[in-house]
C-alpha cells in the first residue's frame, strides 16, 4: 500500500514533465539557412531609374484611385512599392515609358494575386472569365470603363500604350496569352491538389508559364527601346539566357515566399514542398534549390559563349537585351527583401544572415 502511494504521484509527475517537454519541443521554431541569392550574375548592384520617385507617386495615385483602395488596402499597397522593382528593371527608360512599366508592375501583382491567394486560386470557372477579358483586350475585341472592371481597365490602358511599339507588340501579346493560359492550368491544379505531387521538372515547366518573368522582359524591351528581330531573339543561346533568368526568379521566389506560405498553410505550390515530398528536410530542400541556382549560373555563361557575332550594332542590342533579362531578376530579388511582402521589417536581417525562421511543425 505504501509502495503504491509513493509510485502514483511519481508517475503523474513524470507524465506531466514529459508533456511539458513535448510541448516545448513542438513549439520550437525551425531555422534553415537559405542559399546565397546574391551571387554570380545576381551580385551586381542595381541601377535605379532616375524618374523612380516622381513616376511612382503619379502611378500609385492613379492605381489607388482606379481600384478605390482605402484604409487597410491602401496601407498595404503603399508598403509594396512595386515601382522599385520596375526602377531596377528599366533603369534607362524615359519618363513616359517608365510610367508604363510602373503601371504594369502595379497591375501584374494585383492581377496575379487573384490566382495565387485570392478568389480565383481554386475557381477555374471564374478564372476563365477573367482570362477571357484579358484575351479580348489583346485581340482589340473589347473595351472596359474604369467603373466596369477597374483592374481590367488598367490592363487595357497599358496595352493601348504598348501596342504602338511595332517591335515589341506581338511578342508582348504572345507572352501575355501564354501567361494567362498558364494561370488557368494553375487554378485547375490548385483545385485538384496536383501541385505537391508534381515532379521537379513538371513544376518548373508550368511555373515558367505563370511566373510572369517573360512578360517583364518584353516590357523592358519596350521601355528601353531594345531593337532585336524575332529571328535574333529565337537564337537558341538567347532563348536559353531568357529561360535561365525565368528559372532563377522561380527558384529565388520559392525560397523567399516559403515562410509566408507555410504560415498561411498555403505552401503546396512551392518547390520546397515538392522536394520535401521526396523525403528531404527543409534544409535539404533549400540546399537542393541552391544547387539548382548554381546550375542556372553555369547555364547562363555557357549560353553566352554560344552567341554568334551579328555585327557591332546588333551585338550592342543583344547586350542590352541580356542586361534587361538580368535586371528583371535583380529587381525581383531586391524588391523581395525590401518590400516587406515576405519578411515584414526583417528583410535586411534575413538577407545578411540568410537564416529563415519557420513556424514549428
Protein backbone atom coordinates (compact mmCIF):
# COMPACT_ATOMS: atom_id res chain seq x y z
CA UNK A 1 0.00 0.00 0.00
CA UNK A 2 2.82 2.34 0.87
CA UNK A 3 4.57 1.43 -2.36
CA UNK A 4 1.55 2.38 -4.40
CA UNK A 5 1.22 5.64 -2.53
CA UNK A 6 4.79 6.54 -3.43
CA UNK A 7 4.66 5.45 -7.07
CA UNK A 8 1.37 7.04 -8.10
CA UNK A 9 2.31 10.71 -7.61
CA UNK A 10 5.77 10.00 -9.05
CA UNK A 11 4.23 8.64 -12.25
CA UNK A 12 1.86 11.61 -12.51
CA UNK A 13 4.81 13.98 -12.08
CA UNK A 14 6.81 12.21 -14.78
CA UNK A 15 3.89 12.27 -17.21
CA UNK A 16 3.38 15.98 -16.63
CA UNK A 17 7.05 16.65 -17.16
CA UNK A 18 7.10 14.66 -20.39
CA UNK A 19 4.00 16.50 -21.60
CA UNK A 20 5.58 19.91 -20.93
CA UNK A 21 8.82 18.87 -22.58
CA UNK A 22 6.95 17.63 -25.65
CA UNK A 23 5.00 20.88 -25.89
CA UNK A 24 8.18 22.94 -25.65
CA UNK A 25 9.79 20.80 -28.34
CA UNK A 26 6.77 21.14 -30.63
CA UNK A 27 6.62 24.90 -30.14
CA UNK A 28 10.28 25.38 -31.00
CA UNK A 29 10.63 27.19 -34.35
CA UNK A 30 12.69 25.71 -37.15
CA UNK A 31 15.65 27.51 -38.67
CA UNK A 32 17.04 26.93 -42.16
CA UNK A 33 19.91 28.57 -43.98
CA UNK A 34 18.86 29.75 -47.43
CA UNK A 35 21.24 29.79 -50.42
CA UNK A 36 23.21 32.92 -51.25
CA UNK A 37 20.83 34.56 -53.71
CA UNK A 38 23.16 37.49 -54.44
CA UNK A 39 25.94 35.57 -56.17
CA UNK A 40 27.21 35.33 -59.75
CA UNK A 41 25.11 37.47 -62.11
CA UNK A 42 22.82 38.43 -59.23
CA UNK A 43 25.72 40.01 -57.33
CA UNK A 44 25.57 43.23 -59.38
CA UNK A 45 24.37 46.36 -57.62
CA UNK A 46 21.15 47.50 -59.31
CA UNK A 47 20.89 50.83 -61.09
CA UNK A 48 17.70 52.75 -60.23
CA UNK A 49 15.76 54.71 -62.85
CA UNK A 50 16.19 58.44 -62.09
CA UNK A 51 12.45 59.02 -62.57
CA UNK A 52 11.57 56.46 -59.88
CA UNK A 53 10.28 58.78 -57.15
CA UNK A 54 8.25 61.11 -59.38
CA UNK A 55 6.72 58.39 -61.52
CA UNK A 56 5.98 56.16 -58.54
CA UNK A 57 3.97 58.98 -56.93
CA UNK A 58 1.95 59.57 -60.10
CA UNK A 59 1.43 55.91 -60.96
CA UNK A 60 0.49 54.86 -57.43
CA UNK A 61 -2.06 57.67 -57.13
CA UNK A 62 -3.65 56.62 -60.44
CA UNK A 63 -3.80 52.96 -59.46
CA UNK A 64 -5.20 53.59 -55.97
CA UNK A 65 -7.89 55.84 -57.39
CA UNK A 66 -8.70 53.30 -60.09
CA UNK A 67 -9.18 50.43 -57.62
CA UNK A 68 -10.57 52.71 -54.90
CA UNK A 69 -8.02 51.45 -52.37
CA UNK A 70 -8.83 52.81 -48.93
CA UNK A 71 -7.86 52.13 -45.34
CA UNK A 72 -6.03 48.84 -44.84
CA UNK A 73 -5.94 48.09 -48.56
CA UNK A 74 -4.31 51.43 -49.29
CA UNK A 75 -1.81 50.97 -46.46
CA UNK A 76 -0.96 47.51 -47.77
CA UNK A 77 -0.44 48.87 -51.28
CA UNK A 78 1.77 51.72 -50.05
CA UNK A 79 4.13 49.23 -48.41
CA UNK A 80 4.59 47.10 -51.51
CA UNK A 81 6.46 49.67 -53.65
CA UNK A 82 6.21 47.74 -56.89
CA UNK A 83 7.66 50.80 -58.58
CA UNK A 84 11.04 49.96 -57.05
CA UNK A 85 11.16 46.64 -58.89
CA UNK A 86 10.23 48.49 -62.09
CA UNK A 87 13.00 51.04 -61.48
CA UNK A 88 15.57 48.23 -61.43
CA UNK A 89 14.06 46.50 -64.46
CA UNK A 90 14.25 49.58 -66.69
CA UNK A 91 16.96 51.89 -65.31
CA UNK A 92 17.42 53.86 -68.55
CA UNK A 93 13.80 54.21 -69.70
CA UNK A 94 12.49 57.70 -70.36
CA UNK A 95 9.83 59.06 -68.03
CA UNK A 96 6.81 58.22 -70.21
CA UNK A 97 7.81 54.64 -70.91
CA UNK A 98 8.93 54.11 -67.34
CA UNK A 99 5.44 55.16 -66.24
CA UNK A 100 4.04 52.29 -68.30
CA UNK A 101 6.44 49.88 -66.60
CA UNK A 102 5.32 51.03 -63.13
CA UNK A 103 1.65 50.85 -64.10
CA UNK A 104 2.16 47.30 -65.34
CA UNK A 105 4.12 46.32 -62.22
CA UNK A 106 1.25 47.53 -60.04
CA UNK A 107 -1.26 45.74 -62.25
CA UNK A 108 0.52 42.38 -62.54
CA UNK A 109 0.96 41.87 -58.81
CA UNK A 110 -2.71 42.56 -58.12
CA UNK A 111 -3.87 40.52 -61.09
CA UNK A 112 -1.61 37.58 -60.27
CA UNK A 113 -2.53 37.57 -56.57
CA UNK A 114 -6.11 36.74 -57.52
CA UNK A 115 -4.82 33.39 -58.74
CA UNK A 116 -2.23 32.85 -56.00
CA UNK A 117 -4.03 33.89 -52.82
CA UNK A 118 -7.30 35.43 -53.95
CA UNK A 119 -10.77 34.38 -55.03
CA UNK A 120 -9.59 32.79 -58.29
CA UNK A 121 -6.99 30.50 -56.71
CA UNK A 122 -9.16 27.37 -56.85
CA UNK A 123 -12.04 28.56 -59.00
CA UNK A 124 -11.21 27.67 -62.63
CA UNK A 125 -14.61 28.80 -63.95
CA UNK A 126 -14.30 32.35 -62.60
CA UNK A 127 -10.62 32.40 -63.50
CA UNK A 128 -11.54 31.65 -67.11
CA UNK A 129 -13.87 34.66 -67.20
CA UNK A 130 -11.07 36.93 -66.00
CA UNK A 131 -8.71 35.46 -68.58
CA UNK A 132 -11.26 35.90 -71.37
CA UNK A 133 -11.42 39.62 -70.57
CA UNK A 134 -7.65 39.92 -70.96
CA UNK A 135 -7.60 37.93 -74.20
CA UNK A 136 -10.36 40.09 -75.67
CA UNK A 137 -8.34 43.24 -74.95
CA UNK A 138 -5.21 41.76 -76.52
CA UNK A 139 -7.23 41.00 -79.65
CA UNK A 140 -8.76 44.51 -79.57
CA UNK A 141 -12.23 42.98 -79.31
CA UNK A 142 -13.35 44.57 -76.05
CA UNK A 143 -13.18 47.79 -74.06
CA UNK A 144 -13.90 48.47 -70.41
CA UNK A 145 -14.54 51.55 -68.31
CA UNK A 146 -12.96 52.42 -65.00
CA UNK A 147 -16.16 51.61 -63.09
CA UNK A 148 -16.85 48.43 -65.07
CA UNK A 149 -13.75 46.36 -64.28
CA UNK A 150 -11.02 48.63 -62.90
CA UNK A 151 -8.25 46.02 -62.92
CA UNK A 152 -9.09 45.00 -66.48
CA UNK A 153 -9.35 48.67 -67.44
CA UNK A 154 -5.82 49.23 -66.11
CA UNK A 155 -4.54 46.47 -68.39
CA UNK A 156 -6.41 47.97 -71.32
CA UNK A 157 -4.73 51.33 -70.70
CA UNK A 158 -1.30 49.69 -70.59
CA UNK A 159 -1.97 47.68 -73.77
CA UNK A 160 -3.05 50.82 -75.62
CA UNK A 161 0.42 52.24 -74.94
CA UNK A 162 2.40 49.07 -75.63
CA UNK A 163 0.74 48.24 -78.93
CA UNK A 164 2.08 51.43 -80.53
CA UNK A 165 5.54 49.81 -80.47
CA UNK A 166 5.71 47.64 -83.58
CA UNK A 167 8.91 45.88 -82.48
CA UNK A 168 7.51 44.59 -79.19
CA UNK A 169 3.73 44.47 -79.64
CA UNK A 170 3.35 40.91 -80.97
CA UNK A 171 5.91 39.44 -78.58
CA UNK A 172 4.25 41.14 -75.61
CA UNK A 173 0.85 39.97 -76.76
CA UNK A 174 2.02 36.39 -77.28
CA UNK A 175 3.76 36.30 -73.89
CA UNK A 176 0.62 37.51 -72.10
CA UNK A 177 -1.56 34.94 -73.86
CA UNK A 178 0.74 32.14 -72.72
CA UNK A 179 0.81 33.59 -69.23
CA UNK A 180 -2.96 33.80 -68.75
CA UNK A 181 -3.44 30.32 -70.23
CA UNK A 182 -0.93 29.09 -67.66
CA UNK A 183 -2.95 30.72 -64.88
CA UNK A 184 -5.97 28.63 -65.83
CA UNK A 185 -3.85 25.50 -65.60
CA UNK A 186 -2.54 26.68 -62.23
CA UNK A 187 -6.08 27.26 -60.94
CA UNK A 188 -7.09 23.75 -62.03
CA UNK A 189 -4.04 22.20 -60.38
CA UNK A 190 -4.68 24.06 -57.14
CA UNK A 191 -8.32 22.99 -57.04
CA UNK A 192 -7.44 19.35 -57.68
CA UNK A 193 -4.42 19.35 -55.36
CA UNK A 194 -1.91 18.27 -58.01
CA UNK A 195 0.87 20.72 -57.16
CA UNK A 196 2.51 18.83 -54.31
CA UNK A 197 2.56 15.56 -56.31
CA UNK A 198 4.44 17.11 -59.24
CA UNK A 199 7.96 16.18 -60.20
CA UNK A 200 10.53 18.97 -60.16
CA UNK A 201 10.58 19.06 -63.97
CA UNK A 202 6.78 19.21 -64.19
CA UNK A 203 6.65 22.00 -61.64
CA UNK A 204 9.35 24.08 -63.32
CA UNK A 205 7.72 23.62 -66.71
CA UNK A 206 4.35 25.03 -65.74
CA UNK A 207 5.79 27.71 -63.44
CA UNK A 208 7.75 29.12 -66.37
CA UNK A 209 4.40 30.00 -67.92
CA UNK A 210 2.85 31.56 -64.81
CA UNK A 211 5.70 33.42 -63.09
CA UNK A 212 5.39 36.44 -65.40
CA UNK A 213 9.13 36.98 -65.91
CA UNK A 214 8.99 36.88 -69.71
CA UNK A 215 6.21 39.47 -69.56
CA UNK A 216 8.50 41.81 -67.63
CA UNK A 217 11.38 41.21 -70.05
CA UNK A 218 9.13 42.04 -73.02
CA UNK A 219 8.01 45.18 -71.20
CA UNK A 220 11.62 46.24 -70.65
CA UNK A 221 12.27 45.71 -74.37
CA UNK A 222 9.57 48.32 -74.95
CA UNK A 223 10.69 50.68 -72.19
CA UNK A 224 14.39 50.59 -73.09
CA UNK A 225 13.63 50.59 -76.84
CA UNK A 226 15.67 47.44 -77.47
CA UNK A 227 15.69 46.63 -81.17
CA UNK A 228 16.06 42.95 -81.96
CA UNK A 229 14.20 40.96 -84.57
CA UNK A 230 12.20 37.87 -83.72
CA UNK A 231 14.71 35.79 -85.67
CA UNK A 232 17.54 37.09 -83.49
CA UNK A 233 15.58 36.50 -80.28
CA UNK A 234 14.85 32.98 -81.49
CA UNK A 235 18.55 32.10 -81.43
CA UNK A 236 18.95 29.13 -79.05
CA UNK A 237 21.55 30.93 -76.92
CA UNK A 238 19.29 33.95 -76.31
CA UNK A 239 16.34 31.65 -75.67
CA UNK A 240 18.42 29.79 -73.09
CA UNK A 241 19.52 33.02 -71.39
CA UNK A 242 15.89 34.12 -71.18
CA UNK A 243 14.75 30.81 -69.71
CA UNK A 244 17.65 30.81 -67.25
CA UNK A 245 16.52 34.13 -65.77
CA UNK A 246 12.97 32.78 -65.55
CA UNK A 247 14.27 29.78 -63.61
CA UNK A 248 16.38 31.98 -61.33
CA UNK A 249 13.30 34.01 -60.40
CA UNK A 250 11.20 30.88 -59.82
CA UNK A 251 13.83 29.37 -57.53
CA UNK A 252 14.54 32.54 -55.54
CA UNK A 253 10.83 33.35 -55.28
CA UNK A 254 10.02 29.91 -53.86
CA UNK A 255 12.79 30.28 -51.29
CA UNK A 256 11.70 33.75 -50.24
CA UNK A 257 7.95 33.10 -50.18
CA UNK A 258 8.15 29.75 -48.37
CA UNK A 259 8.00 31.13 -44.81
CA UNK A 260 4.92 33.23 -45.55
CA UNK A 261 3.21 30.38 -47.39
CA UNK A 262 3.85 27.96 -44.52
CA UNK A 263 2.39 30.48 -42.08
CA UNK A 264 -0.71 30.76 -44.29
CA UNK A 265 -0.89 26.97 -44.74
CA UNK A 266 -0.57 27.62 -48.48
CA UNK A 267 2.82 26.17 -49.42
CA UNK A 268 1.51 23.40 -51.68
CA UNK A 269 2.51 25.25 -54.84
CA UNK A 270 6.15 25.69 -53.83
CA UNK A 271 9.25 23.79 -54.90
CA UNK A 272 10.34 23.32 -51.28
CA UNK A 273 7.14 21.38 -50.60
CA UNK A 274 7.64 19.26 -53.72
CA UNK A 275 11.18 18.41 -52.66
CA UNK A 276 10.05 17.60 -49.11
CA UNK A 277 7.59 15.12 -50.62
CA UNK A 278 10.73 13.29 -51.79
CA UNK A 279 11.73 12.77 -48.13
CA UNK A 280 14.01 15.80 -47.91
CA UNK A 281 14.07 18.05 -44.85
CA UNK A 282 13.50 21.79 -45.10
CA UNK A 283 17.26 22.36 -45.06
CA UNK A 284 17.95 19.64 -47.61
CA UNK A 285 15.29 21.11 -49.90
CA UNK A 286 16.86 24.57 -49.60
CA UNK A 287 20.28 23.11 -50.34
CA UNK A 288 18.90 21.33 -53.40
CA UNK A 289 17.46 24.60 -54.72
CA UNK A 290 20.85 26.20 -54.07
CA UNK A 291 22.42 23.57 -56.33
CA UNK A 292 19.81 24.35 -58.98
CA UNK A 293 20.67 28.06 -58.72
CA UNK A 294 24.35 27.27 -59.28
CA UNK A 295 23.40 25.26 -62.36
CA UNK A 296 21.48 28.29 -63.68
CA UNK A 297 24.58 30.49 -63.37
CA UNK A 298 26.64 27.93 -65.26
CA UNK A 299 23.98 27.69 -67.96
CA UNK A 300 23.92 31.48 -68.38
CA UNK A 301 27.65 31.74 -69.00
CA UNK A 302 27.64 28.69 -71.22
CA UNK A 303 24.87 30.23 -73.35
CA UNK A 304 26.81 33.50 -73.66
CA UNK A 305 29.65 31.53 -75.21
CA UNK A 306 27.28 30.23 -77.89
CA UNK A 307 26.12 33.65 -79.08
CA UNK A 308 27.06 34.49 -82.68
CA UNK A 309 28.59 37.75 -83.86
CA UNK A 310 25.90 39.70 -85.71
CA UNK A 311 27.81 42.95 -86.12
CA UNK A 312 28.53 45.90 -83.85
CA UNK A 313 25.05 47.44 -83.87
CA UNK A 314 23.12 44.22 -83.30
CA UNK A 315 25.64 42.94 -80.77
CA UNK A 316 25.08 46.10 -78.74
CA UNK A 317 21.32 45.45 -78.75
CA UNK A 318 21.97 41.86 -77.67
CA UNK A 319 24.00 43.13 -74.71
CA UNK A 320 21.17 45.49 -73.80
CA UNK A 321 18.69 42.60 -74.00
CA UNK A 322 20.86 40.46 -71.73
CA UNK A 323 21.06 43.36 -69.27
CA UNK A 324 17.26 43.57 -69.39
CA UNK A 325 16.96 39.88 -68.54
CA UNK A 326 19.39 40.17 -65.64
CA UNK A 327 17.78 43.38 -64.37
CA UNK A 328 14.37 41.71 -64.19
CA UNK A 329 15.93 39.07 -61.95
CA UNK A 330 17.74 41.71 -59.89
CA UNK A 331 14.63 43.82 -59.47
CA UNK A 332 12.59 40.89 -58.25
CA UNK A 333 15.32 39.84 -55.81
CA UNK A 334 15.99 43.25 -54.26
CA UNK A 335 12.30 44.10 -54.11
CA UNK A 336 11.54 40.84 -52.28
CA UNK A 337 13.78 41.80 -49.35
CA UNK A 338 12.85 45.49 -49.42
CA UNK A 339 9.06 45.42 -49.70
CA UNK A 340 8.10 43.59 -46.52
CA UNK A 341 5.90 41.20 -48.50
CA UNK A 342 7.72 38.13 -47.24
CA UNK A 343 9.66 39.18 -44.13
CA UNK A 344 7.96 42.29 -42.80
CA UNK A 345 10.57 44.53 -41.21
CA UNK A 346 13.14 41.70 -41.05
CA UNK A 347 14.12 41.69 -44.72
CA UNK A 348 17.59 43.15 -44.22
CA UNK A 349 18.32 40.79 -41.33
CA UNK A 350 17.32 37.75 -43.40
CA UNK A 351 19.45 38.99 -46.28
CA UNK A 352 22.52 39.38 -44.04
CA UNK A 353 22.18 36.19 -42.01
CA UNK A 354 20.44 34.02 -44.65
CA UNK A 355 18.60 32.40 -41.74
CA UNK A 356 14.92 31.76 -42.25
CA UNK A 357 12.78 31.09 -39.18
CA UNK A 358 9.89 28.78 -39.97
CA UNK A 359 6.86 28.00 -37.80
CA UNK A 360 7.04 24.89 -35.65
CA UNK A 361 5.50 21.71 -37.01
